[in-house]
Every structure is written in C-alpha cells, then in structure tokens.
N, C-alpha and C. Protein backbone atom coordinates (compact mmCIF):
# COMPACT_ATOMS: atom_id res chain seq x y z
N MET A 1 -3.10 -2.08 -20.20
CA MET A 1 -4.32 -2.25 -19.24
C MET A 1 -3.49 -1.58 -18.10
N ASP A 2 -4.24 -0.75 -17.41
CA ASP A 2 -4.00 -0.26 -16.15
C ASP A 2 -4.42 -0.91 -15.12
N TYR A 3 -3.85 -0.93 -13.85
CA TYR A 3 -4.28 -1.58 -13.04
C TYR A 3 -4.39 -0.95 -11.73
N ASN A 4 -5.17 -1.25 -10.80
CA ASN A 4 -5.74 0.15 -10.01
C ASN A 4 -4.94 -0.71 -8.69
N TYR A 5 -3.59 -0.17 -8.27
CA TYR A 5 -2.98 -0.40 -7.35
C TYR A 5 -3.49 0.16 -5.86
N LYS A 6 -4.42 1.39 -5.94
CA LYS A 6 -4.93 2.01 -4.66
C LYS A 6 -6.08 0.99 -4.04
N GLU A 7 -7.03 0.07 -4.77
CA GLU A 7 -7.53 -0.77 -4.29
C GLU A 7 -7.00 -1.79 -3.76
N LEU A 8 -6.23 -2.45 -4.30
CA LEU A 8 -4.96 -3.54 -3.43
C LEU A 8 -5.03 -3.16 -2.51
N VAL A 9 -4.08 -2.31 -1.95
CA VAL A 9 -3.48 -1.59 -1.49
C VAL A 9 -4.33 -1.23 -0.14
N TYR A 10 -5.73 -1.11 -0.35
CA TYR A 10 -7.11 -0.64 0.46
C TYR A 10 -7.53 -2.19 1.40
N TYR A 11 -7.57 -3.12 0.20
CA TYR A 11 -8.34 -4.44 0.75
C TYR A 11 -7.18 -4.92 1.47
N ILE A 12 -6.15 -5.11 0.91
CA ILE A 12 -4.95 -5.64 2.31
C ILE A 12 -4.64 -4.66 3.29
N ALA A 13 -4.61 -3.84 3.76
CA ALA A 13 -4.93 -2.74 4.84
C ALA A 13 -5.33 -3.10 5.34
N ARG A 14 -6.97 -2.77 4.98
CA ARG A 14 -8.08 -3.31 5.32
C ARG A 14 -8.28 -4.71 6.36
N SER A 15 -7.71 -5.47 5.51
CA SER A 15 -7.81 -6.96 5.86
C SER A 15 -6.83 -7.25 7.04
N LEU A 16 -5.71 -6.42 7.53
CA LEU A 16 -4.96 -6.70 8.86
C LEU A 16 -5.20 -5.69 9.45
N VAL A 17 -5.62 -4.44 10.05
CA VAL A 17 -5.69 -3.72 10.85
C VAL A 17 -7.50 -3.78 11.74
N ASP A 18 -7.18 -3.41 12.91
CA ASP A 18 -8.37 -3.42 13.87
C ASP A 18 -9.00 -2.50 13.63
N ASN A 19 -8.78 -1.62 12.97
CA ASN A 19 -9.93 -0.44 12.72
C ASN A 19 -9.65 0.14 10.93
N PRO A 20 -10.23 -0.82 10.23
CA PRO A 20 -10.57 -0.73 9.19
C PRO A 20 -11.15 0.71 8.43
N ASP A 21 -11.92 1.13 9.14
CA ASP A 21 -12.55 2.63 8.58
C ASP A 21 -11.35 3.66 8.60
N LYS A 22 -10.42 3.65 9.72
CA LYS A 22 -9.45 4.73 9.55
C LYS A 22 -8.44 4.49 8.38
N VAL A 23 -8.77 3.35 7.69
CA VAL A 23 -7.42 3.20 6.46
C VAL A 23 -7.68 4.46 5.48
N GLU A 24 -6.80 5.06 4.84
CA GLU A 24 -7.10 6.02 3.84
C GLU A 24 -6.18 6.21 3.15
N ILE A 25 -6.40 6.29 2.04
CA ILE A 25 -4.67 6.38 0.56
C ILE A 25 -5.18 7.46 -0.31
N ASN A 26 -3.73 7.80 -0.61
CA ASN A 26 -3.45 9.08 -1.26
C ASN A 26 -2.90 8.40 -2.63
N GLU A 27 -3.58 8.33 -3.48
CA GLU A 27 -2.93 8.00 -4.59
C GLU A 27 -2.47 9.47 -5.79
N ILE A 28 -1.08 9.71 -6.12
CA ILE A 28 0.08 10.28 -6.71
C ILE A 28 0.18 9.79 -8.10
N GLU A 29 -0.42 9.77 -9.28
CA GLU A 29 -0.27 9.16 -10.08
C GLU A 29 0.73 10.17 -11.31
N GLY A 30 1.53 9.73 -11.66
CA GLY A 30 2.45 10.16 -12.57
C GLY A 30 2.13 9.20 -13.89
N GLU A 31 3.41 9.50 -14.84
CA GLU A 31 3.52 8.81 -16.30
C GLU A 31 3.96 7.67 -16.15
N LYS A 32 5.44 8.04 -15.25
CA LYS A 32 5.79 6.48 -15.10
C LYS A 32 6.15 5.71 -13.98
N SER A 33 5.36 6.45 -13.03
CA SER A 33 5.04 5.95 -11.51
C SER A 33 4.39 6.52 -10.47
N THR A 34 3.82 5.80 -9.87
CA THR A 34 2.93 5.90 -8.97
C THR A 34 2.96 6.11 -7.29
N ILE A 35 2.46 6.91 -6.33
CA ILE A 35 2.69 7.09 -5.06
C ILE A 35 1.70 6.81 -4.46
N LEU A 36 1.85 5.42 -3.59
CA LEU A 36 0.61 5.33 -2.98
C LEU A 36 1.04 5.57 -1.37
N GLU A 37 0.25 6.91 -0.56
CA GLU A 37 0.64 7.12 0.67
C GLU A 37 -0.53 6.47 1.82
N LEU A 38 0.02 5.46 2.24
CA LEU A 38 -1.17 4.93 3.63
C LEU A 38 -1.15 5.40 4.85
N LYS A 39 -2.60 5.68 5.39
CA LYS A 39 -2.73 6.21 6.37
C LYS A 39 -3.67 5.24 7.01
N VAL A 40 -3.53 4.57 8.51
CA VAL A 40 -3.92 4.09 9.36
C VAL A 40 -4.06 4.49 10.80
N ALA A 41 -4.94 3.89 12.05
CA ALA A 41 -4.56 4.76 13.03
C ALA A 41 -3.72 4.15 13.27
N ARG A 42 -3.06 5.15 14.43
CA ARG A 42 -1.89 5.14 15.46
C ARG A 42 -1.82 3.42 15.82
N ASP A 43 -2.96 3.02 16.24
CA ASP A 43 -2.78 1.89 17.03
C ASP A 43 -2.41 0.51 16.19
N ASP A 44 -2.53 0.88 14.62
CA ASP A 44 -2.40 -0.27 14.04
C ASP A 44 -1.17 -0.34 12.80
N MET A 45 -0.12 0.88 13.25
CA MET A 45 0.75 0.87 12.65
C MET A 45 1.56 -0.02 12.68
N GLY A 46 1.77 -0.60 13.96
CA GLY A 46 2.53 -2.15 13.87
C GLY A 46 2.16 -2.82 13.10
N LYS A 47 0.63 -3.43 12.94
CA LYS A 47 -0.01 -4.44 12.15
C LYS A 47 0.44 -4.64 10.48
N ILE A 48 0.67 -2.71 10.26
CA ILE A 48 0.88 -2.69 9.02
C ILE A 48 2.42 -2.99 8.41
N ILE A 49 3.40 -2.09 9.02
CA ILE A 49 4.57 -2.41 9.09
C ILE A 49 5.13 -3.98 9.37
N GLY A 50 4.70 -4.46 10.79
CA GLY A 50 5.34 -5.85 11.06
C GLY A 50 6.71 -5.83 11.79
N LYS A 51 7.08 -7.01 12.28
CA LYS A 51 8.21 -6.80 12.69
C LYS A 51 9.45 -6.91 11.68
N HIS A 52 10.15 -5.69 12.02
CA HIS A 52 11.15 -5.52 10.80
C HIS A 52 10.49 -5.41 9.73
N GLY A 53 9.59 -4.54 9.60
CA GLY A 53 9.34 -4.29 8.31
C GLY A 53 8.85 -5.45 7.47
N ARG A 54 8.66 -6.48 7.78
CA ARG A 54 8.31 -7.68 6.92
C ARG A 54 7.00 -7.76 6.48
N ILE A 55 6.12 -7.20 7.06
CA ILE A 55 4.58 -7.01 6.50
C ILE A 55 4.37 -5.81 5.32
N ALA A 56 5.00 -4.99 5.89
CA ALA A 56 5.38 -3.71 4.89
C ALA A 56 5.95 -4.09 3.81
N ARG A 57 6.89 -5.22 3.55
CA ARG A 57 7.83 -5.32 2.64
C ARG A 57 7.14 -6.23 1.58
N ALA A 58 6.38 -6.97 2.53
CA ALA A 58 5.18 -8.14 1.66
C ALA A 58 4.17 -7.29 0.74
N ILE A 59 3.91 -6.15 1.23
CA ILE A 59 2.85 -5.53 0.40
C ILE A 59 3.07 -4.84 -0.79
N ARG A 60 4.41 -4.23 -0.34
CA ARG A 60 5.25 -3.89 -1.21
C ARG A 60 5.66 -4.71 -2.59
N ALA A 61 5.71 -6.23 -2.14
CA ALA A 61 6.28 -7.28 -3.61
C ALA A 61 5.14 -7.68 -3.92
N VAL A 62 3.65 -7.48 -3.23
CA VAL A 62 2.50 -7.91 -4.00
C VAL A 62 2.05 -6.81 -4.77
N LEU A 63 2.69 -5.33 -4.39
CA LEU A 63 2.37 -4.59 -5.65
C LEU A 63 2.99 -4.40 -7.02
N ASN A 64 4.27 -4.99 -6.45
CA ASN A 64 5.44 -5.17 -7.59
C ASN A 64 5.30 -6.11 -8.82
N VAL A 65 4.15 -7.17 -8.60
CA VAL A 65 4.00 -8.00 -9.26
C VAL A 65 3.40 -7.28 -10.88
N PRO A 66 2.08 -6.94 -10.30
CA PRO A 66 1.40 -5.82 -11.69
C PRO A 66 2.16 -4.75 -12.03
N ALA A 67 3.15 -4.30 -11.08
CA ALA A 67 3.58 -3.04 -12.06
C ALA A 67 4.57 -3.40 -13.06
N ILE A 68 5.28 -4.56 -12.65
CA ILE A 68 6.40 -4.85 -13.53
C ILE A 68 5.94 -5.23 -14.63
N LYS A 69 4.90 -5.81 -14.90
CA LYS A 69 3.95 -6.50 -16.13
C LYS A 69 3.21 -4.95 -16.48
N ASN A 70 2.98 -4.02 -16.11
CA ASN A 70 2.61 -2.87 -16.74
C ASN A 70 3.70 -1.86 -16.84
N ARG A 71 4.76 -2.12 -16.43
CA ARG A 71 6.13 -1.61 -16.96
C ARG A 71 5.88 0.07 -16.32
N LYS A 72 5.59 -0.20 -14.98
CA LYS A 72 5.41 0.83 -14.04
C LYS A 72 6.40 0.88 -12.42
N ARG A 73 6.14 1.93 -12.02
CA ARG A 73 7.12 1.65 -10.70
C ARG A 73 6.12 2.29 -9.60
N VAL A 74 5.62 1.69 -8.88
CA VAL A 74 4.90 1.85 -7.85
C VAL A 74 5.22 2.02 -6.29
N VAL A 75 5.19 3.12 -5.72
CA VAL A 75 5.93 3.51 -4.39
C VAL A 75 5.20 3.50 -3.29
N LEU A 76 5.45 2.42 -2.38
CA LEU A 76 4.18 2.64 -1.01
C LEU A 76 4.92 3.74 -0.13
N GLU A 77 3.96 4.35 0.40
CA GLU A 77 4.43 5.16 2.00
C GLU A 77 3.58 4.90 2.84
N ILE A 78 4.08 4.87 3.99
CA ILE A 78 3.15 4.33 5.27
C ILE A 78 3.39 5.82 6.03
N LEU A 79 2.52 6.76 5.75
CA LEU A 79 2.61 7.57 7.01
C LEU A 79 2.15 7.72 8.20
N ASP A 80 2.49 8.56 9.16
CA ASP A 80 1.97 8.52 10.67
C ASP A 80 1.36 9.44 11.02
C-alpha cells in the first residue's frame, strides 16, 4: 500500500498558515525515498518552521510514521 504523503503535508500546511492558497508542494518520487518540497507565502514561513524549528520537526515526525511502515524514506524540504 502506498501512502499519499503529499496530501498529508498539504493538509497540515494549509491548516497552519494565514494564506492557504499560497501553499505549493512538489513531490519527487524515488524507488526507496520521496522528497517533498514545500513552498508557502513569505509571511507564513515562521508558522511552518516554528520556534527553533519545532513545528517543522513535528511535521517531519508525523510523516515518518507511515513512511516507516511502508519502508520508505520521506524528506520534507521547506523552500523560501
């Protein structure tokens, strides 16, 4: 079973930001890994990263739960 990591990050990011229409995710699919590139409005960057990167780490932790079950590696890159 393959999991839709892009939809999960999209839902979380849109819930956190003030400009949900500006959330963009590019998914680069590999055999053993998936890279998700997240773009948000410049004003919302702090809301996605959080103090000392806590929110970004939490999003990555949530992503790792289904990834480990599917024996995949998921990398979330937050682009500015």
